[in-house]
Amino acid sequence: MPKITTRTLTPTIGAVVEGIDLSQPIADEQIAEVRAALLKHKVIFFEDQHITPVQHRDFAARFGKLHTHPLYPGVPEAPEMFILDNHANNPTDNDAWHTDVTFIETPPLGAILYAKLLPPDGGDTCWANMQAAYEGLSKPLQGFLGELDAVHDFARGFPARGQVAKEAGADKHARALEEHPPVIHPVVRTHPETGADALFVNYGFTDRIKGLRRNESDALLQMLFVHIQKPEYQVRWKWKPNSIAFWDNRITQHYAVNDYLPHRRIMNRATILGDRPFHRSRKPAAAKIAAE
């Protein structure tokens, strides 16, 4: 069995994993090595991988059950996955910092993104380490945030006027909206495998902080949304044909750089379900909230 190695990209986040062919049968020992690399580096990359949608899905399923997105179009051969196909007539809506699918009770453990078609230039993706962002805050602020919960709302990330909703159609969007009421997650999340604390609010889906007045919540969230964008917390990945990114969604945020239109960019993504977020100091909050 070939030895898997990693090449670190920044001291804070990101590494390239080498010595594994994802189109071949993968031993449990190799899966364990990939998981260890993911936990250490937060986002890992594989280059020159030639996999089918079914192989992509099956690799992701080695790490947990898969999530089916309520709006994005599925991959025909593997409907659990979905297609991100962006071009002049379908511009991306991912050019904002976000953590994936935090609008459900058990947000994803991670996601695996495969480059199918790339523009001649641009189309990079940035990831940020939320453990580092949390540790970059003052101790008093860390303590204050650790006691708070926030509301995450599907409607914030996917408004009816948004491009994804328009592409999905009004009926599909209305059904998704009904099936995904707002949920509560801790502002600071304890990682279930490493025990690290990390910020768990994101511009994409976090609507407000419970217990604060709206102006207080808006000001605090805006400060955190700006804070996480420090370059010291980030890695920027320049995509190559047939490269793959696998990120730990529990402890990162990412941003798809929207600089390539009118050229086209097609990616396939598999999303791995996680568990209920919690903070080490208290039990998980009830996820569903009454309409307010």
C-alpha atoms as a PDB file:
ATOM      1  CA  MET A   1       0.000   0.000   0.000  1.00  0.00           C
ATOM      2  CA  PRO A   2       1.598   3.320  -1.057  1.00  0.00           C
ATOM      3  CA  LYS A   3       2.468   5.801   1.649  1.00  0.00           C
ATOM      4  CA  ILE A   4       0.317   8.921   1.829  1.00  0.00           C
ATOM      5  CA  THR A   5       2.241  12.165   2.336  1.00  0.00           C
ATOM      6  CA  THR A   6       1.154  15.770   2.884  1.00  0.00           C
ATOM      7  CA  ARG A   7       2.633  19.032   1.658  1.00  0.00           C
ATOM      8  CA  THR A   8       1.679  21.941   3.921  1.00  0.00           C
ATOM      9  CA  LEU A   9       0.471  25.092   2.173  1.00  0.00           C
ATOM     10  CA  THR A  10       0.315  27.561   5.087  1.00  0.00           C
ATOM     11  CA  PRO A  11       1.144  27.273   8.804  1.00  0.00           C
ATOM     12  CA  THR A  12      -2.539  27.780   9.662  1.00  0.00           C
ATOM     13  CA  ILE A  13      -4.582  25.857   7.111  1.00  0.00           C
ATOM     14  CA  GLY A  14      -4.292  23.728   4.014  1.00  0.00           C
ATOM     15  CA  ALA A  15      -2.200  20.842   2.677  1.00  0.00           C
ATOM     16  CA  VAL A  16      -1.872  18.803  -0.517  1.00  0.00           C
ATOM     17  CA  VAL A  17      -2.261  15.057  -0.013  1.00  0.00           C
ATOM     18  CA  GLU A  18      -0.061  12.921  -2.263  1.00  0.00           C
ATOM     19  CA  GLY A  19       0.381   9.196  -2.829  1.00  0.00           C
ATOM     20  CA  ILE A  20      -3.262   8.189  -3.211  1.00  0.00           C
ATOM     21  CA  ASP A  21      -5.338   7.463  -6.313  1.00  0.00           C
ATOM     22  CA  LEU A  22      -9.009   8.036  -5.489  1.00  0.00           C
ATOM     23  CA  SER A  23     -10.131   6.044  -8.542  1.00  0.00           C
ATOM     24  CA  GLN A  24      -8.718   2.852  -7.003  1.00  0.00           C
ATOM     25  CA  PRO A  25     -10.027   0.821  -4.027  1.00  0.00           C
ATOM     26  CA  ILE A  26      -9.032   2.640  -0.851  1.00  0.00           C
ATOM     27  CA  ALA A  27      -8.081   0.677   2.259  1.00  0.00           C
ATOM     28  CA  ASP A  28      -9.432   1.594   5.675  1.00  0.00           C
ATOM     29  CA  GLU A  29      -5.895   2.522   6.743  1.00  0.00           C
ATOM     30  CA  GLN A  30      -5.693   5.081   3.939  1.00  0.00           C
ATOM     31  CA  ILE A  31      -9.086   6.514   4.840  1.00  0.00           C
ATOM     32  CA  ALA A  32      -7.808   6.921   8.403  1.00  0.00           C
ATOM     33  CA  GLU A  33      -4.733   8.765   7.083  1.00  0.00           C
ATOM     34  CA  VAL A  34      -6.905  11.078   4.991  1.00  0.00           C
ATOM     35  CA  ARG A  35      -9.112  11.807   8.011  1.00  0.00           C
ATOM     36  CA  ALA A  36      -6.040  12.562  10.132  1.00  0.00           C
ATOM     37  CA  ALA A  37      -4.750  14.962   7.479  1.00  0.00           C
ATOM     38  CA  LEU A  38      -8.160  16.641   7.323  1.00  0.00           C
ATOM     39  CA  LEU A  39      -8.289  17.130  11.087  1.00  0.00           C
ATOM     40  CA  LYS A  40      -4.757  18.553  11.146  1.00  0.00           C
ATOM     41  CA  HIS A  41      -4.935  20.860   8.125  1.00  0.00           C
ATOM     42  CA  LYS A  42      -8.685  21.704   8.015  1.00  0.00           C
ATOM     43  CA  VAL A  43      -8.769  21.565   4.194  1.00  0.00           C
ATOM     44  CA  ILE A  44      -6.813  19.122   2.043  1.00  0.00           C
ATOM     45  CA  PHE A  45      -6.288  18.949  -1.695  1.00  0.00           C
ATOM     46  CA  PHE A  46      -5.724  16.111  -4.145  1.00  0.00           C
ATOM     47  CA  GLU A  47      -4.282  16.775  -7.601  1.00  0.00           C
ATOM     48  CA  ASP A  48      -4.590  14.933 -10.916  1.00  0.00           C
ATOM     49  CA  GLN A  49      -7.468  12.702  -9.822  1.00  0.00           C
ATOM     50  CA  HIS A  50      -9.623  11.082 -12.499  1.00  0.00           C
ATOM     51  CA  ILE A  51     -12.789   9.855 -10.824  1.00  0.00           C
ATOM     52  CA  THR A  52     -16.339   9.208 -11.942  1.00  0.00           C
ATOM     53  CA  PRO A  53     -19.315  10.709 -10.073  1.00  0.00           C
ATOM     54  CA  VAL A  54     -19.981   7.286  -8.522  1.00  0.00           C
ATOM     55  CA  GLN A  55     -16.366   7.013  -7.309  1.00  0.00           C
ATOM     56  CA  HIS A  56     -16.611  10.560  -5.958  1.00  0.00           C
ATOM     57  CA  ARG A  57     -19.791   9.701  -4.066  1.00  0.00           C
ATOM     58  CA  ASP A  58     -18.416   6.429  -2.739  1.00  0.00           C
ATOM     59  CA  PHE A  59     -15.225   8.094  -1.472  1.00  0.00           C
ATOM     60  CA  ALA A  60     -17.255  10.729   0.376  1.00  0.00           C
ATOM     61  CA  ALA A  61     -19.512   8.049   1.854  1.00  0.00           C
ATOM     62  CA  ARG A  62     -16.489   6.483   3.592  1.00  0.00           C
ATOM     63  CA  PHE A  63     -16.632   9.440   5.991  1.00  0.00           C
ATOM     64  CA  GLY A  64     -20.371   9.460   6.760  1.00  0.00           C
ATOM     65  CA  LYS A  65     -23.871   9.712   5.380  1.00  0.00           C
ATOM     66  CA  LEU A  66     -24.352  12.141   2.516  1.00  0.00           C
ATOM     67  CA  HIS A  67     -26.568  15.198   2.400  1.00  0.00           C
ATOM     68  CA  THR A  68     -28.781  15.911  -0.606  1.00  0.00           C
ATOM     69  CA  HIS A  69     -29.107  19.636  -1.232  1.00  0.00           C
ATOM     70  CA  PRO A  70     -32.700  20.919  -1.466  1.00  0.00           C
ATOM     71  CA  LEU A  71     -32.010  23.342  -4.347  1.00  0.00           C
ATOM     72  CA  TYR A  72     -28.941  22.591  -6.429  1.00  0.00           C
ATOM     73  CA  PRO A  73     -29.308  20.166  -9.373  1.00  0.00           C
ATOM     74  CA  GLY A  74     -28.075  16.639  -8.685  1.00  0.00           C
ATOM     75  CA  VAL A  75     -25.448  14.683 -10.587  1.00  0.00           C
ATOM     76  CA  PRO A  76     -27.413  12.173 -12.723  1.00  0.00           C
ATOM     77  CA  GLU A  77     -25.174   9.160 -11.949  1.00  0.00           C
ATOM     78  CA  ALA A  78     -25.000  10.005  -8.238  1.00  0.00           C
ATOM     79  CA  PRO A  79     -28.012  12.115  -7.210  1.00  0.00           C
ATOM     80  CA  GLU A  80     -26.744  12.532  -3.632  1.00  0.00           C
ATOM     81  CA  MET A  81     -24.180  14.951  -5.080  1.00  0.00           C
ATOM     82  CA  PHE A  82     -24.840  18.211  -6.867  1.00  0.00           C
ATOM     83  CA  ILE A  83     -23.458  20.333  -9.680  1.00  0.00           C
ATOM     84  CA  LEU A  84     -22.158  23.887  -9.394  1.00  0.00           C
ATOM     85  CA  ASP A  85     -22.290  25.157 -12.974  1.00  0.00           C
ATOM     86  CA  ASN A  86     -21.578  28.882 -13.136  1.00  0.00           C
ATOM     87  CA  HIS A  87     -21.347  31.059 -16.235  1.00  0.00           C
ATOM     88  CA  ALA A  88     -22.575  34.393 -17.565  1.00  0.00           C
ATOM     89  CA  ASN A  89     -26.223  33.349 -17.374  1.00  0.00           C
ATOM     90  CA  ASN A  90     -25.856  31.626 -13.994  1.00  0.00           C
ATOM     91  CA  PRO A  91     -23.364  33.603 -11.876  1.00  0.00           C
ATOM     92  CA  THR A  92     -22.178  32.145  -8.607  1.00  0.00           C
ATOM     93  CA  ASP A  93     -23.849  33.035  -5.323  1.00  0.00           C
ATOM     94  CA  ASN A  94     -20.955  31.594  -3.276  1.00  0.00           C
ATOM     95  CA  ASP A  95     -18.831  34.751  -3.362  1.00  0.00           C
ATOM     96  CA  ALA A  96     -19.384  35.397   0.342  1.00  0.00           C
ATOM     97  CA  TRP A  97     -17.764  33.745   3.339  1.00  0.00           C
ATOM     98  CA  HIS A  98     -19.876  30.851   4.583  1.00  0.00           C
ATOM     99  CA  THR A  99     -19.951  27.460   6.238  1.00  0.00           C
ATOM    100  CA  ASP A 100     -22.041  24.959   4.300  1.00  0.00           C
ATOM    101  CA  VAL A 101     -25.618  24.042   5.205  1.00  0.00           C
ATOM    102  CA  THR A 102     -25.644  25.399   8.758  1.00  0.00           C
ATOM    103  CA  PHE A 103     -29.401  25.814   8.307  1.00  0.00           C
ATOM    104  CA  ILE A 104     -29.985  22.190   9.414  1.00  0.00           C
ATOM    105  CA  GLU A 105     -29.741  20.617  12.872  1.00  0.00           C
ATOM    106  CA  THR A 106     -26.699  18.519  11.936  1.00  0.00           C
ATOM    107  CA  PRO A 107     -24.566  20.648   9.593  1.00  0.00           C
ATOM    108  CA  PRO A 108     -22.081  18.833   7.367  1.00  0.00           C
ATOM    109  CA  LEU A 109     -18.898  17.268   8.677  1.00  0.00           C
ATOM    110  CA  GLY A 110     -17.307  18.242   5.396  1.00  0.00           C
ATOM    111  CA  ALA A 111     -17.580  18.438   1.637  1.00  0.00           C
ATOM    112  CA  ILE A 112     -15.569  17.155  -1.309  1.00  0.00           C
ATOM    113  CA  LEU A 113     -15.410  19.356  -4.418  1.00  0.00           C
ATOM    114  CA  TYR A 114     -14.100  18.119  -7.784  1.00  0.00           C
ATOM    115  CA  ALA A 115     -13.060  20.442 -10.634  1.00  0.00           C
ATOM    116  CA  LYS A 116     -14.784  19.327 -13.835  1.00  0.00           C
ATOM    117  CA  LEU A 117     -14.375  22.434 -16.027  1.00  0.00           C
ATOM    118  CA  LEU A 118     -12.303  25.503 -15.183  1.00  0.00           C
ATOM    119  CA  PRO A 119     -12.024  28.998 -16.654  1.00  0.00           C
ATOM    120  CA  PRO A 120      -8.701  29.900 -18.279  1.00  0.00           C
ATOM    121  CA  ASP A 121      -7.907  32.145 -15.318  1.00  0.00           C
ATOM    122  CA  GLY A 122      -9.460  32.846 -11.917  1.00  0.00           C
ATOM    123  CA  GLY A 123     -12.110  30.876 -10.085  1.00  0.00           C
ATOM    124  CA  ASP A 124      -9.963  30.236  -7.007  1.00  0.00           C
ATOM    125  CA  THR A 125     -11.476  29.250  -3.651  1.00  0.00           C
ATOM    126  CA  CYS A 126     -10.337  30.562  -0.255  1.00  0.00           C
ATOM    127  CA  TRP A 127     -10.720  28.732   3.064  1.00  0.00           C
ATOM    128  CA  ALA A 128     -10.334  30.186   6.556  1.00  0.00           C
ATOM    129  CA  ASN A 129      -9.531  28.406   9.837  1.00  0.00           C
ATOM    130  CA  MET A 130     -12.199  29.225  12.428  1.00  0.00           C
ATOM    131  CA  GLN A 131     -10.151  27.822  15.299  1.00  0.00           C
ATOM    132  CA  ALA A 132      -7.411  30.321  14.498  1.00  0.00           C
ATOM    133  CA  ALA A 133     -10.006  33.086  14.143  1.00  0.00           C
ATOM    134  CA  TYR A 134     -11.457  32.237  17.568  1.00  0.00           C
ATOM    135  CA  GLU A 135      -8.015  32.098  19.178  1.00  0.00           C
ATOM    136  CA  GLY A 136      -7.253  35.493  17.649  1.00  0.00           C
ATOM    137  CA  LEU A 137      -9.941  37.108  19.807  1.00  0.00           C
ATOM    138  CA  SER A 138      -9.340  38.464  23.305  1.00  0.00           C
ATOM    139  CA  LYS A 139      -9.993  36.126  26.226  1.00  0.00           C
ATOM    140  CA  PRO A 140     -12.921  38.222  27.575  1.00  0.00           C
ATOM    141  CA  LEU A 141     -14.588  38.164  24.164  1.00  0.00           C
ATOM    142  CA  GLN A 142     -13.994  34.425  23.835  1.00  0.00           C
ATOM    143  CA  GLY A 143     -15.746  33.912  27.168  1.00  0.00           C
ATOM    144  CA  PHE A 144     -18.677  36.122  26.209  1.00  0.00           C
ATOM    145  CA  LEU A 145     -19.188  34.418  22.855  1.00  0.00           C
ATOM    146  CA  GLY A 146     -18.998  30.967  24.423  1.00  0.00           C
ATOM    147  CA  GLU A 147     -22.266  31.600  26.246  1.00  0.00           C
ATOM    148  CA  LEU A 148     -24.223  32.644  23.159  1.00  0.00           C
ATOM    149  CA  ASP A 149     -26.362  30.909  20.548  1.00  0.00           C
ATOM    150  CA  ALA A 150     -27.205  32.142  17.068  1.00  0.00           C
ATOM    151  CA  VAL A 151     -30.069  31.620  14.638  1.00  0.00           C
ATOM    152  CA  HIS A 152     -29.166  30.116  11.263  1.00  0.00           C
ATOM    153  CA  ASP A 153     -31.733  30.601   8.527  1.00  0.00           C
ATOM    154  CA  PHE A 154     -32.106  28.911   5.131  1.00  0.00           C
ATOM    155  CA  ALA A 155     -33.980  31.975   3.851  1.00  0.00           C
ATOM    156  CA  ARG A 156     -30.982  34.224   4.525  1.00  0.00           C
ATOM    157  CA  GLY A 157     -28.671  32.137   2.366  1.00  0.00           C
ATOM    158  CA  PHE A 158     -31.225  31.278  -0.313  1.00  0.00           C
ATOM    159  CA  PRO A 159     -33.693  34.164  -0.698  1.00  0.00           C
ATOM    160  CA  ALA A 160     -36.437  33.815  -3.278  1.00  0.00           C
ATOM    161  CA  ARG A 161     -34.833  36.553  -5.377  1.00  0.00           C
ATOM    162  CA  GLY A 162     -31.440  34.795  -5.381  1.00  0.00           C
ATOM    163  CA  GLN A 163     -29.884  33.082  -8.387  1.00  0.00           C
ATOM    164  CA  VAL A 164     -30.018  29.554  -6.903  1.00  0.00           C
ATOM    165  CA  ALA A 165     -33.718  29.904  -6.032  1.00  0.00           C
ATOM    166  CA  LYS A 166     -34.497  31.209  -9.513  1.00  0.00           C
ATOM    167  CA  GLU A 167     -32.659  28.308 -11.133  1.00  0.00           C
ATOM    168  CA  ALA A 168     -34.414  25.783  -8.870  1.00  0.00           C
ATOM    169  CA  GLY A 169     -37.868  27.232  -9.499  1.00  0.00           C
ATOM    170  CA  ALA A 170     -40.446  28.809  -7.215  1.00  0.00           C
ATOM    171  CA  ASP A 171     -42.138  25.541  -6.204  1.00  0.00           C
ATOM    172  CA  LYS A 172     -38.898  23.802  -5.254  1.00  0.00           C
ATOM    173  CA  HIS A 173     -37.708  26.841  -3.317  1.00  0.00           C
ATOM    174  CA  ALA A 174     -41.035  27.167  -1.454  1.00  0.00           C
ATOM    175  CA  ARG A 175     -40.899  23.495  -0.485  1.00  0.00           C
ATOM    176  CA  ALA A 176     -37.289  23.818   0.709  1.00  0.00           C
ATOM    177  CA  LEU A 177     -38.180  26.908   2.725  1.00  0.00           C
ATOM    178  CA  GLU A 178     -41.019  25.069   4.442  1.00  0.00           C
ATOM    179  CA  GLU A 179     -38.831  22.047   5.201  1.00  0.00           C
ATOM    180  CA  HIS A 180     -36.010  24.112   6.704  1.00  0.00           C
ATOM    181  CA  PRO A 181     -37.198  26.370   9.531  1.00  0.00           C
ATOM    182  CA  PRO A 182     -34.556  28.402  11.406  1.00  0.00           C
ATOM    183  CA  VAL A 183     -32.266  26.478  13.774  1.00  0.00           C
ATOM    184  CA  ILE A 184     -30.047  27.425  16.705  1.00  0.00           C
ATOM    185  CA  HIS A 185     -26.327  26.659  16.963  1.00  0.00           C
ATOM    186  CA  PRO A 186     -23.702  27.843  19.463  1.00  0.00           C
ATOM    187  CA  VAL A 187     -21.667  30.880  18.415  1.00  0.00           C
ATOM    188  CA  VAL A 188     -18.545  28.969  19.481  1.00  0.00           C
ATOM    189  CA  ARG A 189     -18.495  25.307  18.529  1.00  0.00           C
ATOM    190  CA  THR A 190     -16.370  22.592  20.128  1.00  0.00           C
ATOM    191  CA  HIS A 191     -15.006  20.252  17.476  1.00  0.00           C
ATOM    192  CA  PRO A 192     -16.343  16.741  18.215  1.00  0.00           C
ATOM    193  CA  GLU A 193     -13.081  14.996  17.229  1.00  0.00           C
ATOM    194  CA  THR A 194     -10.244  17.367  18.164  1.00  0.00           C
ATOM    195  CA  GLY A 195     -11.903  19.218  21.057  1.00  0.00           C
ATOM    196  CA  ALA A 196     -10.858  22.581  19.589  1.00  0.00           C
ATOM    197  CA  ASP A 197     -13.143  25.589  19.986  1.00  0.00           C
ATOM    198  CA  ALA A 198     -13.943  27.605  16.871  1.00  0.00           C
ATOM    199  CA  LEU A 199     -16.237  30.372  15.696  1.00  0.00           C
ATOM    200  CA  PHE A 200     -19.436  28.968  14.204  1.00  0.00           C
ATOM    201  CA  VAL A 201     -21.227  31.972  12.746  1.00  0.00           C
ATOM    202  CA  ASN A 202     -21.133  32.823   9.064  1.00  0.00           C
ATOM    203  CA  TYR A 203     -22.408  35.565   6.785  1.00  0.00           C
ATOM    204  CA  GLY A 204     -24.184  33.069   4.561  1.00  0.00           C
ATOM    205  CA  PHE A 205     -26.679  31.678   7.081  1.00  0.00           C
ATOM    206  CA  THR A 206     -26.330  33.300  10.535  1.00  0.00           C
ATOM    207  CA  ASP A 207     -29.181  35.755  10.919  1.00  0.00           C
ATOM    208  CA  ARG A 208     -28.874  36.934  14.522  1.00  0.00           C
ATOM    209  CA  ILE A 209     -27.576  36.139  17.998  1.00  0.00           C
ATOM    210  CA  LYS A 210     -30.201  35.049  20.518  1.00  0.00           C
ATOM    211  CA  GLY A 211     -30.685  37.201  23.581  1.00  0.00           C
ATOM    212  CA  LEU A 212     -29.206  40.372  22.077  1.00  0.00           C
ATOM    213  CA  ARG A 213     -31.074  43.335  20.671  1.00  0.00           C
ATOM    214  CA  ARG A 214     -31.040  43.384  16.880  1.00  0.00           C
ATOM    215  CA  ASN A 215     -28.596  46.312  16.681  1.00  0.00           C
ATOM    216  CA  GLU A 216     -26.275  44.597  19.181  1.00  0.00           C
ATOM    217  CA  SER A 217     -26.458  41.335  17.272  1.00  0.00           C
ATOM    218  CA  ASP A 218     -25.824  43.021  13.923  1.00  0.00           C
ATOM    219  CA  ALA A 219     -22.794  44.893  15.257  1.00  0.00           C
ATOM    220  CA  LEU A 220     -21.260  41.816  16.887  1.00  0.00           C
ATOM    221  CA  LEU A 221     -21.837  39.591  13.870  1.00  0.00           C
ATOM    222  CA  GLN A 222     -20.426  42.209  11.507  1.00  0.00           C
ATOM    223  CA  MET A 223     -17.285  42.441  13.638  1.00  0.00           C
ATOM    224  CA  LEU A 224     -16.868  38.654  13.541  1.00  0.00           C
ATOM    225  CA  PHE A 225     -17.576  38.442   9.793  1.00  0.00           C
ATOM    226  CA  VAL A 226     -14.793  40.964   9.169  1.00  0.00           C
ATOM    227  CA  HIS A 227     -12.438  39.368  11.703  1.00  0.00           C
ATOM    228  CA  ILE A 228     -12.479  35.943  10.050  1.00  0.00           C
ATOM    229  CA  GLN A 229     -11.251  37.454   6.763  1.00  0.00           C
ATOM    230  CA  LYS A 230      -7.698  38.129   8.021  1.00  0.00           C
ATOM    231  CA  PRO A 231      -5.197  36.629   5.547  1.00  0.00           C
ATOM    232  CA  GLU A 232      -3.361  34.966   8.441  1.00  0.00           C
ATOM    233  CA  TYR A 233      -6.299  32.571   8.839  1.00  0.00           C
ATOM    234  CA  GLN A 234      -6.581  31.670   5.149  1.00  0.00           C
ATOM    235  CA  VAL A 235      -5.355  29.576   2.261  1.00  0.00           C
ATOM    236  CA  ARG A 236      -6.186  30.380  -1.368  1.00  0.00           C
ATOM    237  CA  TRP A 237      -6.373  27.410  -3.736  1.00  0.00           C
ATOM    238  CA  LYS A 238      -5.760  27.831  -7.453  1.00  0.00           C
ATOM    239  CA  TRP A 239      -7.733  25.054  -9.082  1.00  0.00           C
ATOM    240  CA  LYS A 240      -6.205  22.718 -11.639  1.00  0.00           C
ATOM    241  CA  PRO A 241      -8.149  20.333 -13.892  1.00  0.00           C
ATOM    242  CA  ASN A 242      -9.210  17.191 -11.975  1.00  0.00           C
ATOM    243  CA  SER A 243      -8.129  18.527  -8.599  1.00  0.00           C
ATOM    244  CA  ILE A 244     -10.180  17.947  -5.453  1.00  0.00           C
ATOM    245  CA  ALA A 245     -10.721  19.874  -2.212  1.00  0.00           C
ATOM    246  CA  PHE A 246     -11.938  18.189   0.980  1.00  0.00           C
ATOM    247  CA  TRP A 247     -12.689  20.549   3.847  1.00  0.00           C
ATOM    248  CA  ASP A 248     -13.735  20.128   7.463  1.00  0.00           C
ATOM    249  CA  ASN A 249     -16.935  22.158   7.485  1.00  0.00           C
ATOM    250  CA  ARG A 250     -17.073  22.134  11.289  1.00  0.00           C
ATOM    251  CA  ILE A 251     -14.044  24.387  11.640  1.00  0.00           C
ATOM    252  CA  THR A 252     -13.718  26.345   8.379  1.00  0.00           C
ATOM    253  CA  GLN A 253     -15.418  28.868   6.168  1.00  0.00           C
ATOM    254  CA  HIS A 254     -14.831  29.315   2.444  1.00  0.00           C
ATOM    255  CA  TYR A 255     -15.302  31.833  -0.347  1.00  0.00           C
ATOM    256  CA  ALA A 256     -15.570  31.151  -4.091  1.00  0.00           C
ATOM    257  CA  VAL A 257     -13.778  33.974  -5.895  1.00  0.00           C
ATOM    258  CA  ASN A 258     -16.100  35.362  -8.569  1.00  0.00           C
ATOM    259  CA  ASP A 259     -13.595  36.770 -11.072  1.00  0.00           C
ATOM    260  CA  TYR A 260     -13.943  34.531 -14.121  1.00  0.00           C
ATOM    261  CA  LEU A 261     -17.203  35.496 -15.842  1.00  0.00           C
ATOM    262  CA  PRO A 262     -18.220  35.217 -18.656  1.00  0.00           C
ATOM    263  CA  HIS A 263     -16.186  31.990 -18.641  1.00  0.00           C
ATOM    264  CA  ARG A 264     -17.685  28.782 -17.281  1.00  0.00           C
ATOM    265  CA  ARG A 265     -16.759  26.827 -14.144  1.00  0.00           C
ATOM    266  CA  ILE A 266     -18.269  23.402 -13.353  1.00  0.00           C
ATOM    267  CA  MET A 267     -17.694  21.556 -10.063  1.00  0.00           C
ATOM    268  CA  ASN A 268     -19.235  18.406  -8.577  1.00  0.00           C
ATOM    269  CA  ARG A 269     -19.732  18.296  -4.825  1.00  0.00           C
ATOM    270  CA  ALA A 270     -20.496  15.600  -2.286  1.00  0.00           C
ATOM    271  CA  THR A 271     -21.518  16.772   1.188  1.00  0.00           C
ATOM    272  CA  ILE A 272     -21.027  14.591   4.288  1.00  0.00           C
ATOM    273  CA  LEU A 273     -23.468  15.001   7.154  1.00  0.00           C
ATOM    274  CA  GLY A 274     -22.149  15.774  10.629  1.00  0.00           C
ATOM    275  CA  ASP A 275     -23.586  15.934  14.124  1.00  0.00           C
ATOM    276  CA  ARG A 276     -25.321  18.481  16.331  1.00  0.00           C
ATOM    277  CA  PRO A 277     -22.973  21.398  17.160  1.00  0.00           C
ATOM    278  CA  PHE A 278     -22.259  21.995  20.845  1.00  0.00           C
ATOM    279  CA  HIS A 279     -20.071  24.075  23.125  1.00  0.00           C
ATOM    280  CA  ARG A 280     -17.965  22.312  25.729  1.00  0.00           C
ATOM    281  CA  SER A 281     -19.512  24.297  28.598  1.00  0.00           C
ATOM    282  CA  ARG A 282     -23.111  23.266  28.026  1.00  0.00           C
ATOM    283  CA  LYS A 283     -25.408  20.806  26.391  1.00  0.00           C
ATOM    284  CA  PRO A 284     -26.547  21.399  22.793  1.00  0.00           C
ATOM    285  CA  ALA A 285     -29.317  23.940  22.491  1.00  0.00           C
ATOM    286  CA  ALA A 286     -32.648  22.839  21.111  1.00  0.00           C
ATOM    287  CA  ALA A 287     -32.252  23.221  17.378  1.00  0.00           C
ATOM    288  CA  LYS A 288     -35.703  24.280  16.279  1.00  0.00           C
ATOM    289  CA  ILE A 289     -37.167  27.570  17.357  1.00  0.00           C
ATOM    290  CA  ALA A 290     -40.648  28.933  17.169  1.00  0.00           C
ATOM    291  CA  ALA A 291     -41.329  31.430  14.432  1.00  0.00           C
ATOM    292  CA  GLU A 292     -40.630  34.926  15.642  1.00  0.00           C
END
